[in-house]
Amino acid sequence: MEQFIWETPEELDRKLAMRVRNIRKRRSISQQKLSDISGVSYGSVKRFETTGQISLLALTKIAIALDIADELRNIFTQVPYRNIEEVINEFE
């Protein structure tokens, strides 16, 4: 069965970046301050918020700095099985 793709990877990345940006702004943290406390370059923070492009390591550093690392820890933990074959494969 073919799945419908509702958004492109780039759109998904930009939505994630907007969520992080909103958290940063809600906490009254400037991009420069986030750069300073996370150890991620200012240019990378700015590019991430503009384009959604960032390395996984830099995203992790930002999440830790914003105290939202649990969101990353929990990613993909509640993925349902698509069929019985996946259940069997997991326990082989």
PDB file of N, CA and C in Angstrom:
ATOM      1  N   MET A   1       0.850  -1.177   0.000  1.00  0.00           N
ATOM      2  CA  MET A   1       0.000   0.000   0.000  1.00  0.00           C
ATOM      3  C   MET A   1       0.902   1.249   0.000  1.00  0.00           C
ATOM      4  N   GLU A   2       0.608   2.187  -0.862  1.00  0.00           N
ATOM      5  CA  GLU A   2       1.381   3.420  -0.967  1.00  0.00           C
ATOM      6  C   GLU A   2       0.903   4.423   0.075  1.00  0.00           C
ATOM      7  N   GLN A   3       1.872   5.049   0.752  1.00  0.00           N
ATOM      8  CA  GLN A   3       1.526   6.055   1.750  1.00  0.00           C
ATOM      9  C   GLN A   3       1.556   7.434   1.114  1.00  0.00           C
ATOM     10  N   PHE A   4       0.673   8.295   1.566  1.00  0.00           N
ATOM     11  CA  PHE A   4       0.664   9.668   1.105  1.00  0.00           C
ATOM     12  C   PHE A   4       1.643  10.480   1.931  1.00  0.00           C
ATOM     13  N   ILE A   5       2.426  11.302   1.273  1.00  0.00           N
ATOM     14  CA  ILE A   5       3.349  12.186   1.967  1.00  0.00           C
ATOM     15  C   ILE A   5       2.684  13.552   2.064  1.00  0.00           C
ATOM     16  N   TRP A   6       2.418  13.976   3.283  1.00  0.00           N
ATOM     17  CA  TRP A   6       1.687  15.220   3.491  1.00  0.00           C
ATOM     18  C   TRP A   6       2.601  16.429   3.496  1.00  0.00           C
ATOM     19  N   GLU A   7       3.871  16.222   3.794  1.00  0.00           N
ATOM     20  CA  GLU A   7       4.813  17.329   3.795  1.00  0.00           C
ATOM     21  C   GLU A   7       6.183  16.815   3.384  1.00  0.00           C
ATOM     22  N   THR A   8       6.960  17.686   2.832  1.00  0.00           N
ATOM     23  CA  THR A   8       8.308  17.304   2.416  1.00  0.00           C
ATOM     24  C   THR A   8       9.224  17.272   3.632  1.00  0.00           C
ATOM     25  N   PRO A   9      10.376  16.623   3.516  1.00  0.00           N
ATOM     26  CA  PRO A   9      11.333  16.662   4.624  1.00  0.00           C
ATOM     27  C   PRO A   9      11.718  18.092   4.990  1.00  0.00           C
ATOM     28  N   GLU A  10      11.863  18.945   3.991  1.00  0.00           N
ATOM     29  CA  GLU A  10      12.217  20.343   4.253  1.00  0.00           C
ATOM     30  C   GLU A  10      11.125  21.066   5.034  1.00  0.00           C
ATOM     31  N   GLU A  11       9.881  20.790   4.697  1.00  0.00           N
ATOM     32  CA  GLU A  11       8.772  21.411   5.436  1.00  0.00           C
ATOM     33  C   GLU A  11       8.742  20.913   6.878  1.00  0.00           C
ATOM     34  N   LEU A  12       8.968  19.645   7.066  1.00  0.00           N
ATOM     35  CA  LEU A  12       9.008  19.081   8.415  1.00  0.00           C
ATOM     36  C   LEU A  12      10.140  19.705   9.223  1.00  0.00           C
ATOM     37  N   ASP A  13      11.316  19.861   8.598  1.00  0.00           N
ATOM     38  CA  ASP A  13      12.452  20.493   9.273  1.00  0.00           C
ATOM     39  C   ASP A  13      12.128  21.927   9.677  1.00  0.00           C
ATOM     40  N   ARG A  14      11.487  22.677   8.780  1.00  0.00           N
ATOM     41  CA  ARG A  14      11.139  24.068   9.094  1.00  0.00           C
ATOM     42  C   ARG A  14      10.120  24.142  10.226  1.00  0.00           C
ATOM     43  N   LYS A  15       9.174  23.215  10.269  1.00  0.00           N
ATOM     44  CA  LYS A  15       8.197  23.206  11.356  1.00  0.00           C
ATOM     45  C   LYS A  15       8.867  22.918  12.695  1.00  0.00           C
ATOM     46  N   LEU A  16       9.806  21.986  12.696  1.00  0.00           N
ATOM     47  CA  LEU A  16      10.558  21.693  13.909  1.00  0.00           C
ATOM     48  C   LEU A  16      11.343  22.919  14.358  1.00  0.00           C
ATOM     49  N   ALA A  17      11.984  23.579  13.409  1.00  0.00           N
ATOM     50  CA  ALA A  17      12.756  24.787  13.722  1.00  0.00           C
ATOM     51  C   ALA A  17      11.847  25.873  14.300  1.00  0.00           C
ATOM     52  N   MET A  18      10.659  26.023  13.762  1.00  0.00           N
ATOM     53  CA  MET A  18       9.723  27.035  14.269  1.00  0.00           C
ATOM     54  C   MET A  18       9.289  26.709  15.698  1.00  0.00           C
ATOM     55  N   ARG A  19       9.106  25.428  15.994  1.00  0.00           N
ATOM     56  CA  ARG A  19       8.736  25.051  17.365  1.00  0.00           C
ATOM     57  C   ARG A  19       9.850  25.403  18.340  1.00  0.00           C
ATOM     58  N   VAL A  20      11.091  25.094  17.944  1.00  0.00           N
ATOM     59  CA  VAL A  20      12.236  25.419  18.803  1.00  0.00           C
ATOM     60  C   VAL A  20      12.367  26.932  18.945  1.00  0.00           C
ATOM     61  N   ARG A  21      12.202  27.649  17.846  1.00  0.00           N
ATOM     62  CA  ARG A  21      12.268  29.118  17.871  1.00  0.00           C
ATOM     63  C   ARG A  21      11.222  29.687  18.825  1.00  0.00           C
ATOM     64  N   ASN A  22      10.012  29.161  18.750  1.00  0.00           N
ATOM     65  CA  ASN A  22       8.944  29.640  19.632  1.00  0.00           C
ATOM     66  C   ASN A  22       9.271  29.396  21.098  1.00  0.00           C
ATOM     67  N   ILE A  23       9.866  28.249  21.401  1.00  0.00           N
ATOM     68  CA  ILE A  23      10.273  27.962  22.779  1.00  0.00           C
ATOM     69  C   ILE A  23      11.353  28.947  23.210  1.00  0.00           C
ATOM     70  N   ARG A  24      12.328  29.179  22.345  1.00  0.00           N
ATOM     71  CA  ARG A  24      13.399  30.129  22.650  1.00  0.00           C
ATOM     72  C   ARG A  24      12.829  31.508  22.937  1.00  0.00           C
ATOM     73  N   LYS A  25      11.936  31.980  22.083  1.00  0.00           N
ATOM     74  CA  LYS A  25      11.358  33.320  22.256  1.00  0.00           C
ATOM     75  C   LYS A  25      10.471  33.383  23.496  1.00  0.00           C
ATOM     76  N   ARG A  26       9.719  32.315  23.753  1.00  0.00           N
ATOM     77  CA  ARG A  26       8.858  32.273  24.936  1.00  0.00           C
ATOM     78  C   ARG A  26       9.676  32.420  26.211  1.00  0.00           C
ATOM     79  N   ARG A  27      10.897  31.933  26.169  1.00  0.00           N
ATOM     80  CA  ARG A  27      11.783  32.011  27.328  1.00  0.00           C
ATOM     81  C   ARG A  27      12.670  33.248  27.298  1.00  0.00           C
ATOM     82  N   SER A  28      12.392  34.142  26.366  1.00  0.00           N
ATOM     83  CA  SER A  28      13.126  35.411  26.234  1.00  0.00           C
ATOM     84  C   SER A  28      14.632  35.195  26.090  1.00  0.00           C
ATOM     85  N   ILE A  29      15.001  34.249  25.248  1.00  0.00           N
ATOM     86  CA  ILE A  29      16.406  33.975  24.974  1.00  0.00           C
ATOM     87  C   ILE A  29      16.691  34.405  23.542  1.00  0.00           C
ATOM     88  N   SER A  30      17.694  35.239  23.368  1.00  0.00           N
ATOM     89  CA  SER A  30      18.069  35.669  22.022  1.00  0.00           C
ATOM     90  C   SER A  30      18.818  34.545  21.306  1.00  0.00           C
ATOM     91  N   GLN A  31      18.927  34.658  19.997  1.00  0.00           N
ATOM     92  CA  GLN A  31      19.702  33.685  19.249  1.00  0.00           C
ATOM     93  C   GLN A  31      21.150  33.670  19.733  1.00  0.00           C
ATOM     94  N   GLN A  32      21.693  34.844  20.002  1.00  0.00           N
ATOM     95  CA  GLN A  32      23.080  34.924  20.474  1.00  0.00           C
ATOM     96  C   GLN A  32      23.237  34.242  21.832  1.00  0.00           C
ATOM     97  N   LYS A  33      22.297  34.487  22.730  1.00  0.00           N
ATOM     98  CA  LYS A  33      22.358  33.856  24.063  1.00  0.00           C
ATOM     99  C   LYS A  33      22.232  32.340  23.928  1.00  0.00           C
ATOM    100  N   LEU A  34      21.334  31.880  23.049  1.00  0.00           N
ATOM    101  CA  LEU A  34      21.198  30.434  22.829  1.00  0.00           C
ATOM    102  C   LEU A  34      22.506  29.864  22.291  1.00  0.00           C
ATOM    103  N   SER A  35      23.131  30.584  21.400  1.00  0.00           N
ATOM    104  CA  SER A  35      24.432  30.169  20.878  1.00  0.00           C
ATOM    105  C   SER A  35      25.442  30.042  22.014  1.00  0.00           C
ATOM    106  N   ASP A  36      25.483  31.033  22.864  1.00  0.00           N
ATOM    107  CA  ASP A  36      26.436  31.046  23.978  1.00  0.00           C
ATOM    108  C   ASP A  36      26.199  29.885  24.948  1.00  0.00           C
ATOM    109  N   ILE A  37      24.955  29.647  25.317  1.00  0.00           N
ATOM    110  CA  ILE A  37      24.686  28.617  26.330  1.00  0.00           C
ATOM    111  C   ILE A  37      24.705  27.203  25.757  1.00  0.00           C
ATOM    112  N   SER A  38      24.498  27.072  24.451  1.00  0.00           N
ATOM    113  CA  SER A  38      24.467  25.739  23.846  1.00  0.00           C
ATOM    114  C   SER A  38      25.814  25.315  23.259  1.00  0.00           C
ATOM    115  N   GLY A  39      26.648  26.295  22.937  1.00  0.00           N
ATOM    116  CA  GLY A  39      27.901  25.975  22.272  1.00  0.00           C
ATOM    117  C   GLY A  39      27.749  25.771  20.775  1.00  0.00           C
ATOM    118  N   VAL A  40      26.580  26.093  20.257  1.00  0.00           N
ATOM    119  CA  VAL A  40      26.313  26.018  18.812  1.00  0.00           C
ATOM    120  C   VAL A  40      26.561  27.405  18.249  1.00  0.00           C
ATOM    121  N   SER A  41      27.237  27.495  17.133  1.00  0.00           N
ATOM    122  CA  SER A  41      27.561  28.811  16.587  1.00  0.00           C
ATOM    123  C   SER A  41      26.298  29.619  16.303  1.00  0.00           C
ATOM    124  N   TYR A  42      26.452  30.930  16.410  1.00  0.00           N
ATOM    125  CA  TYR A  42      25.329  31.838  16.138  1.00  0.00           C
ATOM    126  C   TYR A  42      24.799  31.613  14.728  1.00  0.00           C
ATOM    127  N   GLY A  43      25.708  31.446  13.771  1.00  0.00           N
ATOM    128  CA  GLY A  43      25.293  31.211  12.383  1.00  0.00           C
ATOM    129  C   GLY A  43      24.460  29.956  12.236  1.00  0.00           C
ATOM    130  N   SER A  44      24.810  28.905  12.971  1.00  0.00           N
ATOM    131  CA  SER A  44      24.047  27.654  12.908  1.00  0.00           C
ATOM    132  C   SER A  44      22.663  27.815  13.527  1.00  0.00           C
ATOM    133  N   VAL A  45      22.590  28.548  14.636  1.00  0.00           N
ATOM    134  CA  VAL A  45      21.289  28.804  15.271  1.00  0.00           C
ATOM    135  C   VAL A  45      20.399  29.590  14.303  1.00  0.00           C
ATOM    136  N   LYS A  46      20.965  30.627  13.724  1.00  0.00           N
ATOM    137  CA  LYS A  46      20.204  31.462  12.794  1.00  0.00           C
ATOM    138  C   LYS A  46      19.762  30.666  11.563  1.00  0.00           C
ATOM    139  N   ARG A  47      20.684  29.878  10.993  1.00  0.00           N
ATOM    140  CA  ARG A  47      20.349  29.061   9.820  1.00  0.00           C
ATOM    141  C   ARG A  47      19.256  28.051  10.165  1.00  0.00           C
ATOM    142  N   PHE A  48      19.361  27.426  11.332  1.00  0.00           N
ATOM    143  CA  PHE A  48      18.352  26.460  11.756  1.00  0.00           C
ATOM    144  C   PHE A  48      16.975  27.099  11.819  1.00  0.00           C
ATOM    145  N   GLU A  49      16.888  28.246  12.457  1.00  0.00           N
ATOM    146  CA  GLU A  49      15.588  28.898  12.601  1.00  0.00           C
ATOM    147  C   GLU A  49      15.046  29.399  11.264  1.00  0.00           C
ATOM    148  N   THR A  50      15.917  29.664  10.324  1.00  0.00           N
ATOM    149  CA  THR A  50      15.491  30.167   9.010  1.00  0.00           C
ATOM    150  C   THR A  50      15.144  29.041   8.043  1.00  0.00           C
ATOM    151  N   THR A  51      15.979  27.993   8.031  1.00  0.00           N
ATOM    152  CA  THR A  51      15.829  26.953   7.015  1.00  0.00           C
ATOM    153  C   THR A  51      15.433  25.592   7.569  1.00  0.00           C
ATOM    154  N   GLY A  52      15.666  25.373   8.858  1.00  0.00           N
ATOM    155  CA  GLY A  52      15.426  24.061   9.451  1.00  0.00           C
ATOM    156  C   GLY A  52      16.631  23.153   9.351  1.00  0.00           C
ATOM    157  N   GLN A  53      17.713  23.622   8.745  1.00  0.00           N
ATOM    158  CA  GLN A  53      18.913  22.798   8.571  1.00  0.00           C
ATOM    159  C   GLN A  53      19.829  22.901   9.790  1.00  0.00           C
ATOM    160  N   ILE A  54      20.176  21.726  10.332  1.00  0.00           N
ATOM    161  CA  ILE A  54      21.058  21.678  11.500  1.00  0.00           C
ATOM    162  C   ILE A  54      21.550  20.246  11.663  1.00  0.00           C
ATOM    163  N   SER A  55      22.717  20.090  12.247  1.00  0.00           N
ATOM    164  CA  SER A  55      23.192  18.737  12.530  1.00  0.00           C
ATOM    165  C   SER A  55      22.445  18.187  13.748  1.00  0.00           C
ATOM    166  N   LEU A  56      22.406  16.887  13.841  1.00  0.00           N
ATOM    167  CA  LEU A  56      21.745  16.274  14.990  1.00  0.00           C
ATOM    168  C   LEU A  56      22.444  16.660  16.287  1.00  0.00           C
ATOM    169  N   LEU A  57      23.769  16.706  16.273  1.00  0.00           N
ATOM    170  CA  LEU A  57      24.513  17.092  17.471  1.00  0.00           C
ATOM    171  C   LEU A  57      24.170  18.516  17.898  1.00  0.00           C
ATOM    172  N   ALA A  58      24.110  19.435  16.948  1.00  0.00           N
ATOM    173  CA  ALA A  58      23.768  20.826  17.276  1.00  0.00           C
ATOM    174  C   ALA A  58      22.336  20.917  17.798  1.00  0.00           C
ATOM    175  N   LEU A  59      21.422  20.163  17.202  1.00  0.00           N
ATOM    176  CA  LEU A  59      20.036  20.165  17.690  1.00  0.00           C
ATOM    177  C   LEU A  59      19.979  19.642  19.116  1.00  0.00           C
ATOM    178  N   THR A  60      20.760  18.613  19.401  1.00  0.00           N
ATOM    179  CA  THR A  60      20.803  18.067  20.756  1.00  0.00           C
ATOM    180  C   THR A  60      21.338  19.093  21.742  1.00  0.00           C
ATOM    181  N   LYS A  61      22.381  19.808  21.366  1.00  0.00           N
ATOM    182  CA  LYS A  61      22.938  20.850  22.237  1.00  0.00           C
ATOM    183  C   LYS A  61      21.908  21.949  22.498  1.00  0.00           C
ATOM    184  N   ILE A  62      21.179  22.333  21.476  1.00  0.00           N
ATOM    185  CA  ILE A  62      20.134  23.360  21.637  1.00  0.00           C
ATOM    186  C   ILE A  62      19.033  22.845  22.551  1.00  0.00           C
ATOM    187  N   ALA A  63      18.626  21.607  22.360  1.00  0.00           N
ATOM    188  CA  ALA A  63      17.575  21.030  23.202  1.00  0.00           C
ATOM    189  C   ALA A  63      18.004  20.987  24.665  1.00  0.00           C
ATOM    190  N   ILE A  64      19.243  20.631  24.917  1.00  0.00           N
ATOM    191  CA  ILE A  64      19.750  20.614  26.295  1.00  0.00           C
ATOM    192  C   ILE A  64      19.756  22.027  26.866  1.00  0.00           C
ATOM    193  N   ALA A  65      20.214  22.990  26.071  1.00  0.00           N
ATOM    194  CA  ALA A  65      20.271  24.379  26.539  1.00  0.00           C
ATOM    195  C   ALA A  65      18.882  24.932  26.847  1.00  0.00           C
ATOM    196  N   LEU A  66      17.885  24.496  26.085  1.00  0.00           N
ATOM    197  CA  LEU A  66      16.508  24.972  26.305  1.00  0.00           C
ATOM    198  C   LEU A  66      15.741  24.085  27.288  1.00  0.00           C
ATOM    199  N   ASP A  67      16.415  23.082  27.842  1.00  0.00           N
ATOM    200  CA  ASP A  67      15.801  22.151  28.799  1.00  0.00           C
ATOM    201  C   ASP A  67      14.628  21.399  28.177  1.00  0.00           C
ATOM    202  N   ILE A  68      14.814  20.982  26.930  1.00  0.00           N
ATOM    203  CA  ILE A  68      13.787  20.187  26.251  1.00  0.00           C
ATOM    204  C   ILE A  68      14.392  18.890  25.696  1.00  0.00           C
ATOM    205  N   ALA A  69      15.492  18.444  26.303  1.00  0.00           N
ATOM    206  CA  ALA A  69      16.164  17.231  25.830  1.00  0.00           C
ATOM    207  C   ALA A  69      15.287  15.991  25.966  1.00  0.00           C
ATOM    208  N   ASP A  70      14.350  15.993  26.918  1.00  0.00           N
ATOM    209  CA  ASP A  70      13.459  14.836  27.054  1.00  0.00           C
ATOM    210  C   ASP A  70      12.658  14.599  25.784  1.00  0.00           C
ATOM    211  N   GLU A  71      12.365  15.663  25.063  1.00  0.00           N
ATOM    212  CA  GLU A  71      11.636  15.510  23.808  1.00  0.00           C
ATOM    213  C   GLU A  71      12.458  14.682  22.821  1.00  0.00           C
ATOM    214  N   LEU A  72      13.769  14.905  22.799  1.00  0.00           N
ATOM    215  CA  LEU A  72      14.631  14.110  21.921  1.00  0.00           C
ATOM    216  C   LEU A  72      14.784  12.689  22.452  1.00  0.00           C
ATOM    217  N   ARG A  73      14.916  12.559  23.763  1.00  0.00           N
ATOM    218  CA  ARG A  73      15.049  11.220  24.348  1.00  0.00           C
ATOM    219  C   ARG A  73      13.846  10.349  24.011  1.00  0.00           C
ATOM    220  N   ASN A  74      12.704  10.951  23.888  1.00  0.00           N
ATOM    221  CA  ASN A  74      11.468  10.202  23.667  1.00  0.00           C
ATOM    222  C   ASN A  74      11.093  10.042  22.194  1.00  0.00           C
ATOM    223  N   ILE A  75      11.892  10.599  21.291  1.00  0.00           N
ATOM    224  CA  ILE A  75      11.564  10.504  19.880  1.00  0.00           C
ATOM    225  C   ILE A  75      11.630   9.037  19.434  1.00  0.00           C
ATOM    226  N   PHE A  76      10.653   8.631  18.701  1.00  0.00           N
ATOM    227  CA  PHE A  76      10.540   7.276  18.140  1.00  0.00           C
ATOM    228  C   PHE A  76      10.339   6.200  19.193  1.00  0.00           C
ATOM    229  N   THR A  77       9.973   6.551  20.410  1.00  0.00           N
ATOM    230  CA  THR A  77       9.775   5.524  21.439  1.00  0.00           C
ATOM    231  C   THR A  77       8.363   4.942  21.410  1.00  0.00           C
ATOM    232  N   GLN A  78       7.432   5.640  20.830  1.00  0.00           N
ATOM    233  CA  GLN A  78       6.047   5.191  20.811  1.00  0.00           C
ATOM    234  C   GLN A  78       5.578   4.850  19.397  1.00  0.00           C
ATOM    235  N   VAL A  79       6.474   4.356  18.573  1.00  0.00           N
ATOM    236  CA  VAL A  79       6.122   4.040  17.197  1.00  0.00           C
ATOM    237  C   VAL A  79       5.356   2.722  17.175  1.00  0.00           C
ATOM    238  N   PRO A  80       4.115   2.748  16.686  1.00  0.00           N
ATOM    239  CA  PRO A  80       3.325   1.509  16.655  1.00  0.00           C
ATOM    240  C   PRO A  80       3.832   0.550  15.577  1.00  0.00           C
ATOM    241  N   TYR A  81       3.605  -0.706  15.799  1.00  0.00           N
ATOM    242  CA  TYR A  81       3.933  -1.711  14.790  1.00  0.00           C
ATOM    243  C   TYR A  81       2.992  -1.548  13.602  1.00  0.00           C
ATOM    244  N   ARG A  82       3.533  -1.692  12.403  1.00  0.00           N
ATOM    245  CA  ARG A  82       2.698  -1.594  11.204  1.00  0.00           C
ATOM    246  C   ARG A  82       2.066  -2.931  10.843  1.00  0.00           C
ATOM    247  N   ASN A  83       2.707  -4.020  11.261  1.00  0.00           N
ATOM    248  CA  ASN A  83       2.167  -5.347  10.961  1.00  0.00           C
ATOM    249  C   ASN A  83       2.833  -6.363  11.879  1.00  0.00           C
ATOM    250  N   ILE A  84       2.343  -7.598  11.820  1.00  0.00           N
ATOM    251  CA  ILE A  84       2.851  -8.654  12.696  1.00  0.00           C
ATOM    252  C   ILE A  84       4.313  -8.980  12.386  1.00  0.00           C
ATOM    253  N   GLU A  85       4.715  -8.813  11.130  1.00  0.00           N
ATOM    254  CA  GLU A  85       6.099  -9.082  10.755  1.00  0.00           C
ATOM    255  C   GLU A  85       7.074  -8.187  11.524  1.00  0.00           C
ATOM    256  N   GLU A  86       6.714  -6.938  11.752  1.00  0.00           N
ATOM    257  CA  GLU A  86       7.572  -6.039  12.534  1.00  0.00           C
ATOM    258  C   GLU A  86       7.718  -6.525  13.969  1.00  0.00           C
ATOM    259  N   VAL A  87       6.648  -7.046  14.528  1.00  0.00           N
ATOM    260  CA  VAL A  87       6.700  -7.587  15.897  1.00  0.00           C
ATOM    261  C   VAL A  87       7.665  -8.764  15.938  1.00  0.00           C
ATOM    262  N   ILE A  88       7.539  -9.650  14.985  1.00  0.00           N
ATOM    263  CA  ILE A  88       8.408 -10.823  14.936  1.00  0.00           C
ATOM    264  C   ILE A  88       9.856 -10.427  14.740  1.00  0.00           C
ATOM    265  N   ASN A  89      10.109  -9.477  13.832  1.00  0.00           N
ATOM    266  CA  ASN A  89      11.471  -9.030  13.543  1.00  0.00           C
ATOM    267  C   ASN A  89      12.143  -8.389  14.744  1.00  0.00           C
ATOM    268  N   GLU A  90      11.366  -7.717  15.552  1.00  0.00           N
ATOM    269  CA  GLU A  90      11.944  -7.041  16.707  1.00  0.00           C
ATOM    270  C   GLU A  90      12.491  -8.034  17.722  1.00  0.00           C
ATOM    271  N   PHE A  91      11.888  -9.169  17.818  1.00  0.00           N
ATOM    272  CA  PHE A  91      12.262 -10.121  18.856  1.00  0.00           C
ATOM    273  C   PHE A  91      13.084 -11.296  18.327  1.00  0.00           C
ATOM    274  N   GLU A  92      13.577 -11.200  17.124  1.00  0.00           N
ATOM    275  CA  GLU A  92      14.430 -12.277  16.579  1.00  0.00           C
ATOM    276  C   GLU A  92      15.858 -12.091  17.004  1.00  0.00           C
TER     277      GLU A  92
END
